[in-house]
């Protein structure tokens, strides 16, 4: 039997237009830098196409790092409140710039490391925040965030990756990304996301 529904929060029109535009311009100009995403297996990231297909920028946000670190810091309290996570001392904020093209997906998973993989880490992911953005007109469909109840079971909440939307939840929440359709196959038509993971020291 499925458990209670996890708490999530959705913030639309999250960024000022200037920052949204800077992020999109940087992402589109960095197409050549994106590489296949991996999943963490015992602390090491490995590509597993049966489990996850997407691409990410290994240098993250480049010249925009300081700007978006400030955004992450400034919004920490309200993200915690929205996700029902008690505020904590931030050890560091992990950021991933991701692109989901045609056929991309991510099967059910949690963001917190467990088992032997956790032993390789000095901190734990506690709070997850995902910011969605894309080029206009929108060139993809699908790629919904599907949140599962505690204890497992079918997705209980389906969140569309709308333009300039931020979604947050506890990193222990089981979730997935549904398949993306991007008929043009062009990078600029991908579903883009900026993932933030707020870490607490062990």
Protein backbone atom coordinates (compact mmCIF):
# COMPACT_ATOMS: atom_id res chain seq x y z
CA UNK A 1 0.00 0.00 0.00
CA UNK A 2 1.33 3.43 -0.97
CA UNK A 3 2.30 5.84 1.75
CA UNK A 4 1.54 9.56 2.12
CA UNK A 5 2.03 12.04 -0.69
CA UNK A 6 5.37 13.87 -0.54
CA UNK A 7 5.28 17.61 -0.20
CA UNK A 8 6.40 19.60 -3.23
CA UNK A 9 6.32 23.30 -4.03
CA UNK A 10 5.99 25.01 -7.40
CA UNK A 11 7.15 28.57 -8.02
CA UNK A 12 6.19 29.99 -11.42
CA UNK A 13 7.91 33.01 -12.98
CA UNK A 14 10.77 32.23 -10.63
CA UNK A 15 13.58 34.24 -12.22
CA UNK A 16 13.62 37.81 -13.49
CA UNK A 17 13.58 37.88 -17.29
CA UNK A 18 17.19 39.10 -17.45
CA UNK A 19 18.54 36.07 -15.53
CA UNK A 20 16.28 33.66 -17.41
CA UNK A 21 17.61 35.06 -20.70
CA UNK A 22 21.25 34.87 -19.57
CA UNK A 23 20.83 31.24 -18.57
CA UNK A 24 19.15 30.29 -21.85
CA UNK A 25 21.73 32.14 -23.95
CA UNK A 26 24.61 30.49 -22.08
CA UNK A 27 23.04 27.06 -22.47
CA UNK A 28 22.39 27.40 -26.20
CA UNK A 29 25.93 28.69 -26.78
CA UNK A 30 27.39 25.69 -24.90
CA UNK A 31 25.89 22.86 -26.97
CA UNK A 32 29.29 21.37 -27.82
CA UNK A 33 30.17 21.05 -24.12
CA UNK A 34 27.29 18.76 -23.11
CA UNK A 35 28.09 15.09 -22.50
CA UNK A 36 25.95 12.03 -21.57
CA UNK A 37 24.66 11.99 -18.00
CA UNK A 38 25.44 9.17 -15.65
CA UNK A 39 23.89 7.64 -12.57
CA UNK A 40 25.81 7.16 -9.33
CA UNK A 41 26.80 3.55 -8.68
CA UNK A 42 28.67 3.13 -5.39
CA UNK A 43 29.81 6.74 -5.54
CA UNK A 44 30.90 6.73 -9.19
CA UNK A 45 28.89 8.24 -12.05
CA UNK A 46 28.34 5.74 -14.86
CA UNK A 47 26.27 6.05 -18.04
CA UNK A 48 23.28 3.68 -17.87
CA UNK A 49 21.08 4.22 -20.94
CA UNK A 50 18.47 1.73 -19.73
CA UNK A 51 17.93 3.89 -16.63
CA UNK A 52 18.66 7.46 -17.65
CA UNK A 53 19.18 9.32 -20.92
CA UNK A 54 20.10 13.00 -20.85
CA UNK A 55 23.13 15.26 -21.24
CA UNK A 56 24.77 17.67 -18.82
CA UNK A 57 27.39 20.41 -18.86
CA UNK A 58 30.44 19.21 -16.86
CA UNK A 59 31.46 22.80 -16.03
CA UNK A 60 27.98 23.66 -14.80
CA UNK A 61 27.26 27.35 -15.16
CA UNK A 62 30.66 28.73 -16.09
CA UNK A 63 30.60 32.55 -15.76
CA UNK A 64 27.12 32.41 -14.25
CA UNK A 65 28.17 30.36 -11.21
CA UNK A 66 28.35 33.23 -8.73
CA UNK A 67 25.08 34.72 -9.93
CA UNK A 68 23.14 31.51 -9.51
CA UNK A 69 24.84 30.61 -6.24
CA UNK A 70 23.38 33.87 -4.95
CA UNK A 71 19.96 32.86 -6.31
CA UNK A 72 20.26 29.52 -4.52
CA UNK A 73 21.28 31.17 -1.24
CA UNK A 74 18.64 33.89 -1.39
CA UNK A 75 15.80 31.41 -1.96
CA UNK A 76 16.90 28.69 0.46
CA UNK A 77 14.43 29.53 3.23
CA UNK A 78 11.35 29.61 1.01
CA UNK A 79 12.39 26.45 -0.84
CA UNK A 80 12.76 24.64 2.48
CA UNK A 81 9.38 25.92 3.59
CA UNK A 82 7.74 24.83 0.35
CA UNK A 83 9.23 21.34 0.52
CA UNK A 84 8.56 20.90 4.22
CA UNK A 85 12.27 20.58 4.97
CA UNK A 86 13.63 22.07 8.17
CA UNK A 87 16.31 24.67 7.33
CA UNK A 88 19.84 23.41 7.92
CA UNK A 89 23.43 24.59 7.69
CA UNK A 90 24.39 24.29 4.01
CA UNK A 91 27.65 22.45 3.46
CA UNK A 92 27.61 23.12 -0.28
CA UNK A 93 25.23 23.47 -3.21
CA UNK A 94 25.65 21.07 -6.10
CA UNK A 95 24.44 22.38 -9.46
CA UNK A 96 23.78 20.48 -12.68
CA UNK A 97 22.81 22.01 -16.04
CA UNK A 98 20.93 19.32 -17.95
CA UNK A 99 19.48 18.93 -21.44
CA UNK A 100 16.82 16.39 -22.35
CA UNK A 101 16.42 15.71 -26.05
CA UNK A 102 14.27 13.29 -28.00
CA UNK A 103 13.84 10.01 -26.10
CA UNK A 104 15.41 11.29 -22.88
CA UNK A 105 14.04 10.01 -19.56
CA UNK A 106 15.02 9.12 -16.00
CA UNK A 107 13.45 6.12 -14.24
CA UNK A 108 12.25 6.34 -10.59
CA UNK A 109 15.03 7.34 -8.20
CA UNK A 110 15.85 9.40 -5.15
CA UNK A 111 18.58 12.03 -5.08
CA UNK A 112 20.07 11.11 -1.70
CA UNK A 113 23.01 8.70 -1.77
CA UNK A 114 22.47 5.42 0.07
CA UNK A 115 24.42 2.29 0.89
CA UNK A 116 28.09 2.10 -0.03
CA UNK A 117 27.68 5.11 -2.32
CA UNK A 118 26.89 7.28 0.68
CA UNK A 119 30.13 6.18 2.29
CA UNK A 120 32.10 7.95 -0.43
CA UNK A 121 30.42 11.29 0.31
CA UNK A 122 31.21 13.88 3.00
CA UNK A 123 27.69 15.31 2.91
CA UNK A 124 24.10 14.37 2.13
CA UNK A 125 21.72 15.82 -0.42
CA UNK A 126 18.79 17.07 1.64
CA UNK A 127 16.84 19.47 -0.58
CA UNK A 128 16.31 19.24 -4.35
CA UNK A 129 15.23 22.16 -6.52
CA UNK A 130 14.72 21.97 -10.30
CA UNK A 131 14.41 25.02 -12.54
CA UNK A 132 12.89 24.56 -16.01
CA UNK A 133 13.54 26.71 -19.06
CA UNK A 134 13.43 26.38 -22.84
CA UNK A 135 13.47 28.26 -26.09
CA UNK A 136 10.28 29.77 -27.49
CA UNK A 137 8.32 28.46 -29.23
CA UNK A 138 8.55 25.27 -27.20
CA UNK A 139 10.03 22.46 -29.28
CA UNK A 140 9.41 19.45 -27.03
CA UNK A 141 6.66 17.66 -25.17
CA UNK A 142 6.70 15.28 -22.23
CA UNK A 143 9.55 15.33 -19.76
CA UNK A 144 7.16 15.69 -16.84
CA UNK A 145 8.39 15.34 -13.28
CA UNK A 146 6.45 12.47 -11.73
CA UNK A 147 6.49 12.28 -7.93
CA UNK A 148 5.75 8.97 -6.23
CA UNK A 149 4.21 8.44 -2.78
CA UNK A 150 6.40 7.49 0.15
CA UNK A 151 6.65 3.71 0.22
CA UNK A 152 6.37 3.41 -3.56
CA UNK A 153 3.44 3.08 -5.91
CA UNK A 154 2.29 4.88 -9.07
CA UNK A 155 3.10 8.55 -9.50
CA UNK A 156 0.81 10.67 -7.35
CA UNK A 157 1.75 14.04 -8.79
CA UNK A 158 2.70 15.00 -12.34
CA UNK A 159 4.40 18.37 -12.81
CA UNK A 160 4.88 19.85 -16.27
CA UNK A 161 8.27 21.48 -17.01
CA UNK A 162 6.88 24.91 -17.77
CA UNK A 163 8.94 27.94 -18.73
CA UNK A 164 10.61 29.72 -15.77
CA UNK A 165 9.23 27.26 -13.20
CA UNK A 166 11.04 26.07 -10.08
CA UNK A 167 9.98 22.89 -8.28
CA UNK A 168 11.41 21.74 -4.95
CA UNK A 169 11.09 18.67 -2.71
CA UNK A 170 13.07 16.66 -0.18
CA UNK A 171 15.90 14.72 -1.79
CA UNK A 172 14.54 11.49 -0.29
CA UNK A 173 11.39 11.73 -2.45
CA UNK A 174 11.03 9.09 -5.17
CA UNK A 175 10.57 10.73 -8.56
CA UNK A 176 11.18 10.26 -12.26
CA UNK A 177 11.28 12.12 -15.58
CA UNK A 178 8.87 10.88 -18.24
CA UNK A 179 10.02 10.42 -21.82
CA UNK A 180 10.70 13.53 -23.87
CA UNK A 181 9.61 14.00 -27.47
CA UNK A 182 11.67 16.51 -29.44
CA UNK A 183 10.70 15.98 -33.11
CA UNK A 184 13.25 18.40 -34.58
CA UNK A 185 16.17 16.66 -32.88
CA UNK A 186 17.80 20.06 -32.46
CA UNK A 187 19.62 20.92 -29.26
CA UNK A 188 17.92 24.31 -29.01
CA UNK A 189 14.54 22.54 -28.79
CA UNK A 190 15.57 20.41 -25.79
CA UNK A 191 13.95 20.44 -22.37
CA UNK A 192 16.51 22.26 -20.20
CA UNK A 193 16.75 22.06 -16.43
CA UNK A 194 19.00 23.50 -13.77
CA UNK A 195 19.20 21.10 -10.84
CA UNK A 196 20.20 22.31 -7.37
CA UNK A 197 21.02 19.91 -4.54
CA UNK A 198 21.53 21.48 -1.13
CA UNK A 199 23.96 19.39 0.93
CA UNK A 200 24.22 19.04 4.70
CA UNK A 201 27.46 17.83 6.24
CA UNK A 202 27.30 14.38 7.80
